Amino acid sequence: MKRPLLLSLLLLSLAAPRSAALADAVRPGAAASLALSSPAPFPLLRGNPGRTGLVKSFPASLKQLWKIHIKEGLSLPAVAAADAIVVAAASGHLVGLAPGSGKELQRVALPAPAIQGPLVTSRGDRVVLTAAGECVGYRASGELRFRRPLPAAPRDLQAAPLPLPGGGLLVAAGAALLRLDGEGRVQDRVELPEAAAEALLLAPQGFFAVSRGGKVYRWSPPEAPRLLGSLGGALSTTPLAGPRGPIAVVDEQRLVFFDAATGQPGVTVATTASLPGPLALGAGDEVWASTSTGTLLAIHPEGRELERVPALAIPPDPPGPRDSLLTAEGGRVALLRATGELVLWSRASNACAARRWVCSRTGHTSWCRAATAPWRPSAPASEAGRSVVLQR
């Protein structure tokens, strides 16, 4: 039986960016052909097509704005569109919430419960993959935009879709990669030798898909997909797009900086503790990771350890689902542990900038997932960042 979900919106005091050129968050100076402008401040999991977890700014303090209960519960992260926070309820509904109050603005019945997404396209549509094996898109008004059957069983829809310029999408359906236009029509279809893993990535070098076994494929349409090489182990967490290629944790304890130019794992850093959560790319290309023991690590692309912050937040016992880790320009890191503690760390001052318990917990059975969303209110002068915190 699913638990009710507590959805909290926290007001963050620093200004958020006025626009979202998402490829810039993948890497400064990214190729213009890969630029993806979107009115949505946080349109997909990890914030941008490179899934780097890098945003413009974090707050100096945290102020809770509102909390609501979603009685149906949900198991997918929220995203922020230009006009609403979008969540996929376990009841099979796509729900839009007012950012200022949490008031339910819209509730759309899906053909089947969502199993991937939601995401917001570059023209503001909401898209999910459903348990019926379909890719379904809705206009911001709630009107159905398209309903595209996918050539794979629902259990094989393991990779989250990727928004593309012009309102299109890249979808992994088992071993097939489909490029859809904004109306859900198939523009390109290619087959990989095996299924893609948890996430597709967009980087200056093209699209990347990583298999669960750690093989790295690159697709640069109209060319055929190409196997570049292997990470050297089984994929443990969602990879991110680094300056040279995908960066991922394999076999739970090895951080790999894959070099797309050579097709080799490149720099590999082994850790004594496991790395259960997603990675985040810092503004200086360093990679941040949280360990199962509560330590926060910053690793240089050449493998040097730049920061080691012990016991930044209380780790779950036993280890639970993934933490949420995001970074911001200026050397700030936001870590939400599965225990419900949110910590903002400043690398410049080598100190905790703010911390707060944002979720309650019962023993170690309630876990938190987070999507931090820089938000743009209607009045430009009062722009601020806000965070959506999901507690299961």
Protein backbone atom coordinates (compact mmCIF):
# COMPACT_ATOMS: atom_id res chain seq x y z
CA MET A 1 0.00 0.00 0.00
CA LYS A 2 1.43 3.38 -1.00
CA ARG A 3 2.09 5.95 1.72
CA PRO A 4 0.68 9.47 1.41
CA LEU A 5 3.16 11.88 -0.06
CA LEU A 6 4.17 15.08 1.70
CA LEU A 7 5.03 17.79 -0.81
CA SER A 8 6.87 20.83 0.60
CA LEU A 9 7.84 23.99 -1.23
CA LEU A 10 10.73 25.86 0.40
CA LEU A 11 11.36 29.50 -0.45
CA LEU A 12 15.02 30.10 -1.27
CA SER A 13 16.19 33.67 -0.96
CA LEU A 14 18.75 34.11 -3.73
CA ALA A 15 17.80 35.23 -7.24
CA ALA A 16 17.26 32.60 -9.88
CA PRO A 17 18.26 32.92 -13.53
CA ARG A 18 15.89 34.80 -15.83
CA SER A 19 16.17 32.20 -18.57
CA ALA A 20 17.16 28.58 -18.96
CA ALA A 21 19.59 27.79 -21.76
CA LEU A 22 19.89 24.21 -20.68
CA ALA A 23 22.87 23.13 -22.72
CA ASP A 24 24.91 25.85 -20.99
CA ALA A 25 24.41 23.93 -17.75
CA VAL A 26 25.93 20.88 -19.39
CA ARG A 27 29.15 22.73 -20.04
CA PRO A 28 29.99 26.40 -20.60
CA GLY A 29 30.59 26.97 -24.29
CA ALA A 30 28.51 24.00 -25.40
CA ALA A 31 27.85 23.77 -29.11
CA ALA A 32 25.10 26.14 -30.22
CA SER A 33 23.46 23.37 -32.21
CA LEU A 34 22.71 21.58 -28.95
CA ALA A 35 21.23 24.59 -27.18
CA LEU A 36 17.81 23.99 -25.66
CA SER A 37 15.99 27.07 -24.40
CA SER A 38 12.97 26.43 -22.24
CA PRO A 39 10.55 28.58 -20.24
CA ALA A 40 10.58 25.85 -17.57
CA PRO A 41 13.02 26.51 -14.71
CA PHE A 42 13.53 22.80 -13.89
CA PRO A 43 12.01 20.74 -16.74
CA LEU A 44 13.37 17.28 -15.97
CA LEU A 45 15.12 15.18 -13.36
CA ARG A 46 18.58 16.61 -12.56
CA GLY A 47 17.60 19.91 -14.17
CA ASN A 48 19.08 19.86 -17.68
CA PRO A 49 19.71 17.51 -20.64
CA GLY A 50 23.17 16.67 -19.34
CA ARG A 51 21.59 15.71 -15.98
CA THR A 52 24.42 17.55 -14.24
CA GLY A 53 22.46 18.83 -11.23
CA LEU A 54 24.12 22.23 -11.73
CA VAL A 55 21.94 25.33 -11.19
CA LYS A 56 22.68 29.05 -11.00
CA SER A 57 22.36 29.77 -7.29
CA PHE A 58 21.36 28.54 -3.85
CA PRO A 59 20.00 30.50 -0.90
CA ALA A 60 21.67 31.89 2.17
CA SER A 61 18.78 30.58 4.28
CA LEU A 62 15.72 28.38 4.00
CA LYS A 63 12.14 29.44 4.63
CA GLN A 64 9.26 27.01 4.33
CA LEU A 65 6.51 28.36 2.10
CA TRP A 66 3.87 25.62 2.21
CA LYS A 67 3.18 21.91 2.64
CA ILE A 68 0.42 19.78 1.19
CA HIS A 69 -0.50 16.09 1.33
CA ILE A 70 -1.10 14.15 -1.87
CA LYS A 71 -3.18 11.28 -0.58
CA GLU A 72 -2.61 9.00 -3.59
CA GLY A 73 1.16 9.09 -3.15
CA LEU A 74 3.72 9.04 -5.94
CA SER A 75 7.12 7.60 -6.69
CA LEU A 76 8.40 9.95 -9.40
CA PRO A 77 10.18 13.30 -8.87
CA ALA A 78 8.42 16.60 -9.48
CA VAL A 79 9.45 19.11 -12.15
CA ALA A 80 8.84 22.85 -12.49
CA ALA A 81 7.12 24.23 -15.58
CA ALA A 82 6.88 27.96 -16.25
CA ASP A 83 3.49 28.18 -14.57
CA ALA A 84 3.18 25.18 -12.27
CA ILE A 85 4.89 22.41 -10.37
CA VAL A 86 4.04 19.15 -12.13
CA VAL A 87 3.75 15.81 -10.36
CA ALA A 88 2.58 12.40 -11.55
CA ALA A 89 0.30 10.93 -8.87
CA ALA A 90 0.23 7.17 -8.32
CA SER A 91 -3.51 7.26 -9.03
CA GLY A 92 -2.70 7.83 -12.73
CA HIS A 93 -3.16 11.59 -12.80
CA LEU A 94 -0.88 14.41 -13.90
CA VAL A 95 -1.27 17.19 -11.34
CA GLY A 96 -0.30 20.86 -11.62
CA LEU A 97 0.28 22.86 -8.42
CA ALA A 98 0.52 26.62 -7.92
CA PRO A 99 4.12 27.49 -6.98
CA GLY A 100 3.08 30.18 -4.52
CA SER A 101 0.52 28.25 -2.53
CA GLY A 102 0.54 24.56 -3.46
CA LYS A 103 -3.08 24.86 -4.61
CA GLU A 104 -4.07 22.23 -7.15
CA LEU A 105 -4.50 24.00 -10.48
CA GLN A 106 -5.05 21.06 -12.77
CA ARG A 107 -5.61 17.31 -12.69
CA VAL A 108 -5.43 15.29 -15.90
CA ALA A 109 -6.31 11.58 -16.03
CA LEU A 110 -3.55 9.60 -17.76
CA PRO A 111 -4.33 6.52 -19.89
CA ALA A 112 -2.25 4.53 -17.37
CA PRO A 113 -0.01 5.42 -14.40
CA ALA A 114 3.27 7.14 -15.24
CA ILE A 115 6.46 5.09 -14.95
CA GLN A 116 8.93 7.69 -16.32
CA GLY A 117 8.82 11.48 -16.12
CA PRO A 118 7.16 13.83 -15.93
CA LEU A 119 9.21 16.26 -17.99
CA VAL A 120 8.48 19.62 -19.56
CA THR A 121 9.38 20.11 -23.22
CA SER A 122 11.00 23.25 -24.62
CA ARG A 123 7.55 24.57 -25.61
CA GLY A 124 5.94 23.81 -22.26
CA ASP A 125 4.18 20.48 -22.88
CA ARG A 126 4.10 17.86 -20.12
CA VAL A 127 5.23 14.34 -21.10
CA VAL A 128 5.25 10.96 -19.33
CA LEU A 129 5.87 7.34 -20.24
CA THR A 130 3.06 5.14 -18.97
CA ALA A 131 2.54 1.59 -17.73
CA ALA A 132 0.65 0.96 -20.98
CA GLY A 133 3.91 1.35 -22.93
CA GLU A 134 3.06 4.75 -24.38
CA CYS A 135 4.64 8.20 -24.55
CA VAL A 136 1.89 10.71 -23.77
CA GLY A 137 2.13 14.49 -24.10
CA TYR A 138 -0.22 17.23 -22.86
CA ARG A 139 -0.37 20.93 -23.54
CA ALA A 140 -0.03 23.24 -20.56
CA SER A 141 -3.82 23.63 -20.71
CA GLY A 142 -4.24 19.89 -20.04
CA GLU A 143 -5.36 19.08 -23.59
CA LEU A 144 -3.92 15.89 -25.06
CA ARG A 145 -1.14 16.71 -27.53
CA PHE A 146 -0.17 13.16 -28.58
CA ARG A 147 -0.27 9.54 -27.54
CA ARG A 148 2.51 7.47 -29.07
CA PRO A 149 2.71 3.65 -28.58
CA LEU A 150 6.31 2.57 -28.00
CA PRO A 151 8.00 -0.54 -29.42
CA ALA A 152 8.85 -2.03 -26.02
CA ALA A 153 7.13 -3.57 -23.03
CA PRO A 154 6.60 -1.21 -20.07
CA ARG A 155 9.24 -3.09 -18.05
CA ASP A 156 11.79 -2.14 -20.73
CA LEU A 157 11.13 1.62 -20.46
CA GLN A 158 14.00 2.12 -18.03
CA ALA A 159 15.47 5.38 -19.34
CA ALA A 160 13.92 8.77 -18.67
CA PRO A 161 13.12 10.68 -21.91
CA LEU A 162 15.13 13.72 -22.92
CA PRO A 163 13.59 17.03 -24.15
CA LEU A 164 14.99 18.40 -27.40
CA PRO A 165 14.90 21.77 -29.17
CA GLY A 166 11.62 22.56 -30.92
CA GLY A 167 9.48 20.65 -28.45
CA GLY A 168 10.73 17.19 -29.45
CA LEU A 169 11.91 14.25 -27.37
CA LEU A 170 14.47 11.48 -27.34
CA VAL A 171 12.94 8.26 -25.99
CA ALA A 172 14.64 4.94 -25.23
CA ALA A 173 12.24 2.02 -25.67
CA GLY A 174 14.23 -1.07 -24.83
CA ALA A 175 17.06 -1.16 -27.38
CA ALA A 176 15.37 1.35 -29.70
CA LEU A 177 16.13 5.07 -29.65
CA LEU A 178 13.28 7.21 -31.01
CA ARG A 179 13.50 10.89 -31.86
CA LEU A 180 10.00 12.36 -31.71
CA ASP A 181 8.87 15.78 -32.87
CA GLY A 182 6.63 18.02 -30.77
CA GLU A 183 3.52 16.22 -32.04
CA GLY A 184 4.81 12.78 -31.08
CA ARG A 185 5.68 11.75 -34.64
CA VAL A 186 8.76 9.55 -35.10
CA GLN A 187 11.51 11.45 -36.90
CA ASP A 188 14.33 8.91 -36.43
CA ARG A 189 14.57 5.41 -35.08
CA VAL A 190 17.76 3.44 -34.48
CA GLU A 191 18.52 0.20 -32.67
CA LEU A 192 21.25 -0.39 -30.10
CA PRO A 193 22.66 -3.88 -29.44
CA GLU A 194 21.19 -3.68 -25.92
CA ALA A 195 18.79 -1.58 -23.86
CA ALA A 196 19.80 1.85 -22.59
CA ALA A 197 20.06 2.24 -18.85
CA GLU A 198 18.56 4.78 -16.46
CA ALA A 199 19.07 8.00 -18.39
CA LEU A 200 19.86 9.47 -21.76
CA LEU A 201 22.28 12.39 -21.86
CA LEU A 202 22.79 15.36 -24.17
CA ALA A 203 26.33 16.71 -24.40
CA PRO A 204 28.31 18.78 -26.94
CA GLN A 205 29.53 15.47 -28.42
CA GLY A 206 25.96 14.26 -29.12
CA PHE A 207 23.48 11.97 -27.38
CA PHE A 208 24.82 9.36 -24.97
CA ALA A 209 23.11 6.17 -23.82
CA VAL A 210 24.72 3.94 -21.21
CA SER A 211 23.68 0.32 -20.77
CA ARG A 212 23.23 -1.23 -17.36
CA GLY A 213 26.40 -3.22 -17.98
CA GLY A 214 28.36 0.02 -18.50
CA LYS A 215 28.71 0.19 -22.29
CA VAL A 216 28.65 3.74 -23.67
CA TYR A 217 26.92 4.54 -26.98
CA ARG A 218 26.90 7.85 -28.82
CA TRP A 219 24.34 8.94 -31.38
CA SER A 220 24.83 12.04 -33.53
CA PRO A 221 21.98 12.05 -36.10
CA PRO A 222 21.99 11.42 -38.99
CA GLU A 223 24.90 9.08 -38.23
CA ALA A 224 24.25 5.60 -36.86
CA PRO A 225 24.83 4.98 -33.12
CA ARG A 226 28.37 4.03 -32.22
CA LEU A 227 29.71 1.94 -29.36
CA LEU A 228 32.50 4.03 -27.84
CA GLY A 229 33.66 1.70 -25.09
CA SER A 230 32.87 0.61 -21.55
CA LEU A 231 32.88 2.19 -18.11
CA GLY A 232 34.54 -0.97 -16.84
CA GLY A 233 31.73 -2.10 -14.55
CA ALA A 234 27.98 -2.23 -13.95
CA LEU A 235 26.21 1.13 -13.77
CA SER A 236 25.19 2.03 -10.21
CA THR A 237 23.68 5.52 -10.52
CA THR A 238 22.36 7.82 -13.21
CA PRO A 239 25.35 9.18 -15.17
CA LEU A 240 25.90 12.83 -16.01
CA ALA A 241 27.45 14.54 -19.03
CA GLY A 242 30.94 15.80 -18.22
CA PRO A 243 33.27 17.89 -20.38
CA ARG A 244 34.84 14.77 -21.97
CA GLY A 245 31.94 12.35 -21.81
CA PRO A 246 29.69 10.53 -19.34
CA ILE A 247 30.68 10.40 -15.67
CA ALA A 248 29.19 7.60 -13.58
CA VAL A 249 29.53 5.36 -10.55
CA VAL A 250 30.08 1.69 -11.36
CA ASP A 251 30.02 -1.31 -9.04
CA GLU A 252 28.85 1.09 -6.27
CA GLN A 253 32.35 2.22 -5.27
CA ARG A 254 34.17 3.45 -8.39
CA LEU A 255 33.75 6.89 -9.94
CA VAL A 256 34.59 6.80 -13.66
CA PHE A 257 35.34 9.80 -15.91
CA PHE A 258 34.73 8.31 -19.35
CA ASP A 259 36.71 9.82 -22.24
CA ALA A 260 34.48 9.87 -25.35
CA ALA A 261 37.42 10.75 -27.60
CA THR A 262 39.42 7.64 -26.73
CA GLY A 263 36.57 5.31 -25.75
CA GLN A 264 38.35 4.50 -22.49
CA PRO A 265 37.19 4.73 -18.86
CA GLY A 266 39.83 7.39 -18.33
CA VAL A 267 40.28 8.49 -14.72
CA THR A 268 38.80 6.08 -12.16
CA VAL A 269 38.55 6.87 -8.45
CA ALA A 270 37.84 4.09 -5.95
CA THR A 271 36.14 4.84 -2.63
CA THR A 272 35.98 2.79 0.57
CA ALA A 273 32.32 3.68 1.16
CA SER A 274 29.59 3.15 -1.41
CA LEU A 275 28.23 6.05 -3.46
CA PRO A 276 24.46 5.51 -3.33
CA GLY A 277 23.23 8.84 -4.68
CA PRO A 278 23.38 10.73 -7.96
CA LEU A 279 26.43 12.75 -8.88
CA ALA A 280 26.51 16.51 -9.49
CA LEU A 281 28.88 18.55 -11.63
CA GLY A 282 30.40 21.62 -10.02
CA ALA A 283 30.91 24.93 -11.77
CA GLY A 284 34.63 24.15 -12.02
CA ASP A 285 34.00 20.72 -13.61
CA GLU A 286 34.65 18.93 -10.30
CA VAL A 287 32.27 16.09 -9.47
CA TRP A 288 30.42 15.99 -6.15
CA ALA A 289 29.22 12.76 -4.56
CA SER A 290 27.76 11.76 -1.20
CA THR A 291 28.76 8.50 0.44
CA SER A 292 26.74 6.00 2.46
CA THR A 293 28.56 7.18 5.61
CA GLY A 294 27.46 10.80 5.24
CA THR A 295 30.67 12.19 3.75
CA LEU A 296 30.55 14.70 0.89
CA LEU A 297 33.33 14.40 -1.71
CA ALA A 298 34.53 16.69 -4.49
CA ILE A 299 36.74 15.03 -7.12
CA HIS A 300 38.77 16.80 -9.80
CA PRO A 301 38.46 15.35 -13.35
CA GLU A 302 42.09 14.22 -13.02
CA GLY A 303 41.16 12.17 -9.96
CA ARG A 304 42.41 14.44 -7.19
CA GLU A 305 40.28 14.76 -4.09
CA LEU A 306 39.45 18.46 -3.67
CA GLU A 307 37.07 18.32 -0.71
CA ARG A 308 36.12 15.81 1.97
CA VAL A 309 33.39 16.98 4.32
CA PRO A 310 32.75 14.32 6.97
CA ALA A 311 29.27 13.59 8.31
CA LEU A 312 27.66 16.56 6.58
CA ALA A 313 24.24 15.08 7.28
CA ILE A 314 23.03 12.04 9.18
CA PRO A 315 23.03 9.03 6.83
CA PRO A 316 20.14 6.56 6.80
CA ASP A 317 20.53 3.33 8.75
CA PRO A 318 20.20 0.99 6.99
CA PRO A 319 21.07 2.81 3.74
CA GLY A 320 17.92 3.87 1.90
CA PRO A 321 17.13 5.22 -1.55
CA ARG A 322 19.30 7.80 -3.17
CA ASP A 323 20.05 11.18 -1.71
CA SER A 324 19.50 14.28 -3.81
CA LEU A 325 22.61 16.30 -4.59
CA LEU A 326 22.75 19.56 -6.54
CA THR A 327 25.43 22.18 -7.09
CA ALA A 328 25.45 25.90 -7.89
CA GLU A 329 27.88 28.41 -9.26
CA GLY A 330 30.08 29.91 -6.55
CA GLY A 331 30.98 26.56 -4.99
CA ARG A 332 27.72 25.79 -3.18
CA VAL A 333 26.26 22.32 -2.73
CA ALA A 334 22.76 21.28 -1.64
CA LEU A 335 22.41 17.81 -0.14
CA LEU A 336 19.08 16.28 0.86
CA ARG A 337 19.67 13.03 2.71
CA ALA A 338 17.14 10.21 2.69
CA THR A 339 16.61 10.94 6.38
CA GLY A 340 15.00 14.27 5.52
CA GLU A 341 17.79 16.72 6.37
CA LEU A 342 18.60 19.43 3.80
CA VAL A 343 22.08 20.96 4.04
CA LEU A 344 23.58 23.84 2.06
CA TRP A 345 27.38 23.74 2.02
CA SER A 346 29.64 26.62 0.99
CA ARG A 347 32.99 25.62 -0.41
CA ALA A 348 34.24 29.22 -0.25
CA SER A 349 33.77 29.45 3.51
CA ASN A 350 34.30 25.72 4.11
CA ALA A 351 31.20 25.75 6.29
CA CYS A 352 27.54 24.84 6.41
CA ALA A 353 25.56 27.81 5.07
CA ALA A 354 22.15 26.51 6.20
CA ARG A 355 20.52 23.29 7.31
CA ARG A 356 16.97 22.23 8.04
CA TRP A 357 14.90 19.12 8.60
CA VAL A 358 12.41 19.34 5.76
CA CYS A 359 10.76 15.93 6.06
CA SER A 360 9.53 13.93 9.02
CA ARG A 361 10.40 10.27 9.26
CA THR A 362 9.23 7.20 11.16
CA GLY A 363 12.23 5.11 12.04
CA HIS A 364 13.88 4.56 8.69
CA THR A 365 10.80 3.72 6.64
CA SER A 366 10.04 7.19 5.22
CA TRP A 367 12.46 8.46 2.60
CA CYS A 368 12.77 11.75 0.78
CA ARG A 369 13.48 12.55 -2.84
CA ALA A 370 14.06 16.06 -4.10
CA ALA A 371 14.10 18.18 -7.22
CA THR A 372 15.46 21.67 -6.65
CA ALA A 373 13.85 24.18 -8.97
CA PRO A 374 15.06 27.75 -9.54
CA TRP A 375 11.73 29.56 -9.84
CA ARG A 376 10.76 32.77 -11.63
CA PRO A 377 7.73 34.56 -10.18
CA SER A 378 5.72 36.99 -12.30
CA ALA A 379 7.53 40.04 -10.91
CA PRO A 380 11.14 39.98 -12.20
CA ALA A 381 12.34 42.14 -9.31
CA SER A 382 11.32 39.49 -6.80
CA GLU A 383 12.75 36.46 -8.52
CA ALA A 384 13.76 33.70 -6.13
CA GLY A 385 14.73 30.04 -6.11
CA ARG A 386 12.48 27.43 -4.54
CA SER A 387 12.80 23.72 -3.83
CA VAL A 388 10.25 20.98 -4.11
CA VAL A 389 10.82 18.18 -1.61
CA LEU A 390 9.02 14.86 -1.98
CA GLN A 391 8.60 12.55 0.99
CA ARG A 392 7.29 9.04 0.50
